[in-house]
Amino acid sequence: MSESPLYHFRKSRRQRARLFRNMAAMCWVYVAAVEAFVRFGGAHVPGETRMAVLVTLPLASVVLLGVAWWHRRNPGVYEATITRERFTVRYPGSQRWSFSVPLEDIRRFESRRELSHAGASPITQGIVLRDGRFLPITMNYGNHIGRMHKAVQAVRPEVEFPARVNQRTRGLGLDRDYAE
């Protein structure tokens, strides 16, 4: 890319593994804190609570270390770049979450959620194109959708990012698609 980007975010899985290792270490800090509180604080902690801490946090630590190990063993780089002409996202190993579109094709940024008989889905953020397609932008790597929106608005001020979550409802006699 010859021109300087308006927005650029890059994070490797190796960098991401550090977060999971730190979370695993914090599980042990909490275990130590509860034990110190019981032994030296003189306060009573119910047996069920103490046992839950002594069992669940070490198990969570093992799971988190497994996730960190996977990130280290499977290299990949997440990258999002916005220039004056294009918005490009490269998600490692996923064509669904990777895209490259001209800025003039972007209608708006949007947060979406689906409501069904099973409850509400997690909120998905992304862009809506002029042809109606929605391209999700995952936040798994710690990027910031608000900054992406501001970068696009620097070139196309008419591109909005409504605060309201666009919802689709399905089931129990309701069938309403996302609002245009």
Protein backbone atom coordinates (compact mmCIF):
# COMPACT_ATOMS: atom_id res chain seq x y z
CA MET A 1 0.00 0.00 0.00
CA SER A 2 1.63 3.22 -1.12
CA GLU A 3 -0.56 5.67 0.77
CA SER A 4 -0.58 5.98 4.55
CA PRO A 5 -3.55 4.36 6.26
CA LEU A 6 -6.19 6.35 8.15
CA TYR A 7 -6.54 3.39 10.50
CA HIS A 8 -4.34 0.38 10.97
CA PHE A 9 -4.61 -2.35 13.58
CA ARG A 10 -2.48 -5.48 13.65
CA LYS A 11 -2.26 -8.19 16.29
CA SER A 12 -0.76 -11.65 16.06
CA ARG A 13 -2.00 -14.76 17.79
CA ARG A 14 1.33 -14.80 19.62
CA GLN A 15 0.50 -11.38 21.11
CA ARG A 16 -3.01 -12.59 21.89
CA ALA A 17 -1.62 -15.61 23.78
CA ARG A 18 -0.11 -13.23 26.33
CA LEU A 19 -3.62 -12.12 27.39
CA PHE A 20 -4.69 -15.71 28.07
CA ARG A 21 -1.50 -16.47 30.02
CA ASN A 22 -2.09 -13.39 32.16
CA MET A 23 -5.69 -14.43 32.80
CA ALA A 24 -4.49 -17.90 33.86
CA ALA A 25 -1.98 -16.33 36.25
CA MET A 26 -4.71 -14.10 37.72
CA CYS A 27 -6.77 -17.20 38.53
CA TRP A 28 -3.95 -18.30 40.83
CA VAL A 29 -3.67 -14.81 42.33
CA TYR A 30 -7.37 -15.02 43.28
CA VAL A 31 -6.87 -18.48 44.80
CA ALA A 32 -3.92 -17.15 46.83
CA ALA A 33 -5.92 -14.09 47.90
CA VAL A 34 -8.84 -16.19 49.16
CA GLU A 35 -6.47 -18.48 51.04
CA ALA A 36 -4.62 -15.50 52.55
CA PHE A 37 -7.95 -13.94 53.52
CA VAL A 38 -9.01 -17.16 55.28
CA ARG A 39 -5.69 -17.76 57.04
CA PHE A 40 -4.61 -14.24 57.94
CA GLY A 41 -7.74 -12.14 57.67
CA GLY A 42 -9.60 -13.87 60.43
CA ALA A 43 -12.84 -13.77 58.45
CA HIS A 44 -15.09 -16.71 57.72
CA VAL A 45 -15.57 -17.78 54.10
CA PRO A 46 -18.35 -20.34 53.59
CA GLY A 47 -16.99 -23.79 52.74
CA GLU A 48 -18.90 -23.96 49.46
CA THR A 49 -17.47 -20.64 48.31
CA ARG A 50 -13.93 -21.58 49.27
CA MET A 51 -14.23 -24.98 47.57
CA ALA A 52 -15.67 -23.37 44.44
CA VAL A 53 -12.66 -21.02 44.29
CA LEU A 54 -10.20 -23.86 44.91
CA VAL A 55 -11.73 -26.03 42.16
CA THR A 56 -13.05 -23.72 39.44
CA LEU A 57 -10.24 -21.19 39.22
CA PRO A 58 -7.44 -23.77 38.78
CA LEU A 59 -9.59 -25.52 36.14
CA ALA A 60 -10.18 -22.20 34.41
CA SER A 61 -6.42 -21.62 34.54
CA VAL A 62 -5.77 -24.91 32.75
CA VAL A 63 -8.32 -24.06 30.03
CA LEU A 64 -6.82 -20.58 29.58
CA LEU A 65 -3.32 -22.02 29.30
CA GLY A 66 -4.65 -24.42 26.67
CA VAL A 67 -6.06 -21.50 24.68
CA ALA A 68 -2.74 -19.64 25.01
CA TRP A 69 -0.86 -22.74 23.85
CA TRP A 70 -3.15 -23.05 20.81
CA HIS A 71 -2.54 -19.40 19.89
CA ARG A 72 1.23 -19.96 20.08
CA ARG A 73 1.12 -23.17 18.03
CA ASN A 74 -1.15 -21.77 15.29
CA PRO A 75 0.43 -18.56 14.04
CA GLY A 76 -1.74 -15.98 12.37
CA VAL A 77 -2.19 -12.24 12.18
CA TYR A 78 -5.38 -10.18 12.37
CA GLU A 79 -5.10 -6.95 10.42
CA ALA A 80 -7.55 -4.14 9.71
CA THR A 81 -6.56 -1.27 7.42
CA ILE A 82 -8.55 1.71 6.22
CA THR A 83 -7.15 3.94 3.49
CA ARG A 84 -8.86 6.73 1.58
CA GLU A 85 -10.08 4.12 -0.94
CA ARG A 86 -10.51 0.73 0.82
CA PHE A 87 -11.48 -0.96 4.06
CA THR A 88 -9.63 -4.27 4.41
CA VAL A 89 -9.86 -6.84 7.20
CA ARG A 90 -7.74 -9.99 7.21
CA TYR A 91 -8.80 -12.50 9.85
CA PRO A 92 -6.43 -15.48 10.13
CA GLY A 93 -7.93 -18.64 8.71
CA SER A 94 -11.39 -17.20 8.01
CA GLN A 95 -12.79 -16.07 4.69
CA ARG A 96 -16.11 -15.22 6.37
CA TRP A 97 -14.56 -12.54 8.58
CA SER A 98 -12.09 -11.26 5.98
CA PHE A 99 -13.01 -8.70 3.34
CA SER A 100 -11.77 -5.81 1.24
CA VAL A 101 -14.32 -3.26 0.05
CA PRO A 102 -14.15 0.21 -1.48
CA LEU A 103 -15.15 2.94 0.98
CA GLU A 104 -17.82 4.18 -1.42
CA ASP A 105 -19.64 0.84 -1.06
CA ILE A 106 -20.15 1.31 2.70
CA ARG A 107 -23.64 2.51 3.64
CA ARG A 108 -23.22 2.46 7.46
CA PHE A 109 -21.68 0.75 10.45
CA GLU A 110 -24.11 -1.26 12.53
CA SER A 111 -24.57 -3.40 15.64
CA ARG A 112 -26.89 -6.38 15.16
CA ARG A 113 -28.63 -8.91 17.38
CA GLU A 114 -31.08 -11.71 16.72
CA LEU A 115 -33.95 -12.46 19.11
CA SER A 116 -35.55 -15.90 19.04
CA HIS A 117 -37.33 -18.38 21.27
CA ALA A 118 -33.86 -19.29 22.60
CA GLY A 119 -33.10 -15.72 23.71
CA ALA A 120 -30.90 -12.96 22.41
CA SER A 121 -27.77 -13.63 20.40
CA PRO A 122 -24.54 -11.78 21.15
CA ILE A 123 -24.24 -8.39 19.47
CA THR A 124 -22.36 -8.49 16.16
CA GLN A 125 -20.78 -5.34 14.81
CA GLY A 126 -19.94 -4.69 11.19
CA ILE A 127 -20.65 -2.71 8.07
CA VAL A 128 -23.67 -2.65 5.79
CA LEU A 129 -22.87 -2.24 2.12
CA ARG A 130 -24.95 -0.44 -0.49
CA ASP A 131 -26.09 -3.80 -1.90
CA GLY A 132 -27.52 -4.72 1.54
CA ARG A 133 -24.85 -7.23 2.58
CA PHE A 134 -23.65 -7.16 6.19
CA LEU A 135 -19.96 -7.83 6.77
CA PRO A 136 -19.19 -8.66 10.40
CA ILE A 137 -16.12 -7.18 12.06
CA THR A 138 -15.02 -9.39 14.91
CA MET A 139 -13.63 -7.80 18.06
CA ASN A 140 -11.69 -10.94 19.06
CA TYR A 141 -8.31 -9.26 18.71
CA GLY A 142 -9.04 -6.09 20.65
CA ASN A 143 -9.58 -3.72 17.72
CA HIS A 144 -11.89 -0.73 18.14
CA ILE A 145 -14.94 -0.36 15.89
CA GLY A 146 -15.46 3.29 16.92
CA ARG A 147 -12.00 4.21 15.63
CA MET A 148 -12.70 2.36 12.39
CA HIS A 149 -15.91 4.33 11.98
CA LYS A 150 -14.10 7.64 12.60
CA ALA A 151 -11.48 6.74 9.98
CA VAL A 152 -14.18 5.98 7.39
CA GLN A 153 -16.02 9.20 8.33
CA ALA A 154 -12.85 11.20 7.67
CA VAL A 155 -13.36 10.33 3.99
CA ARG A 156 -17.14 9.83 3.92
CA PRO A 157 -18.81 11.92 6.65
CA GLU A 158 -22.27 10.62 5.72
CA VAL A 159 -21.45 7.07 6.95
CA GLU A 160 -23.32 6.69 10.25
CA PHE A 161 -22.97 4.32 13.20
CA PRO A 162 -26.35 4.34 14.97
CA ALA A 163 -26.27 3.75 18.73
CA ARG A 164 -29.41 1.61 18.46
CA VAL A 165 -28.85 -2.13 17.97
CA ASN A 166 -30.60 -3.39 14.83
CA GLN A 167 -32.60 -6.49 15.81
CA ARG A 168 -34.13 -9.36 13.90
CA THR A 169 -36.90 -11.32 15.62
CA ARG A 170 -37.77 -14.92 14.81
CA GLY A 171 -40.02 -17.51 16.38
CA LEU A 172 -43.22 -17.62 18.43
CA GLY A 173 -45.26 -16.06 15.65
CA LEU A 174 -42.82 -13.19 15.12
CA ASP A 175 -40.75 -12.80 12.00
CA ARG A 176 -39.21 -9.35 11.58
CA ASP A 177 -36.00 -8.88 9.62
CA TYR A 178 -33.32 -6.29 10.29
CA ALA A 179 -34.43 -2.70 9.66
CA GLU A 180 -33.02 -0.97 6.63
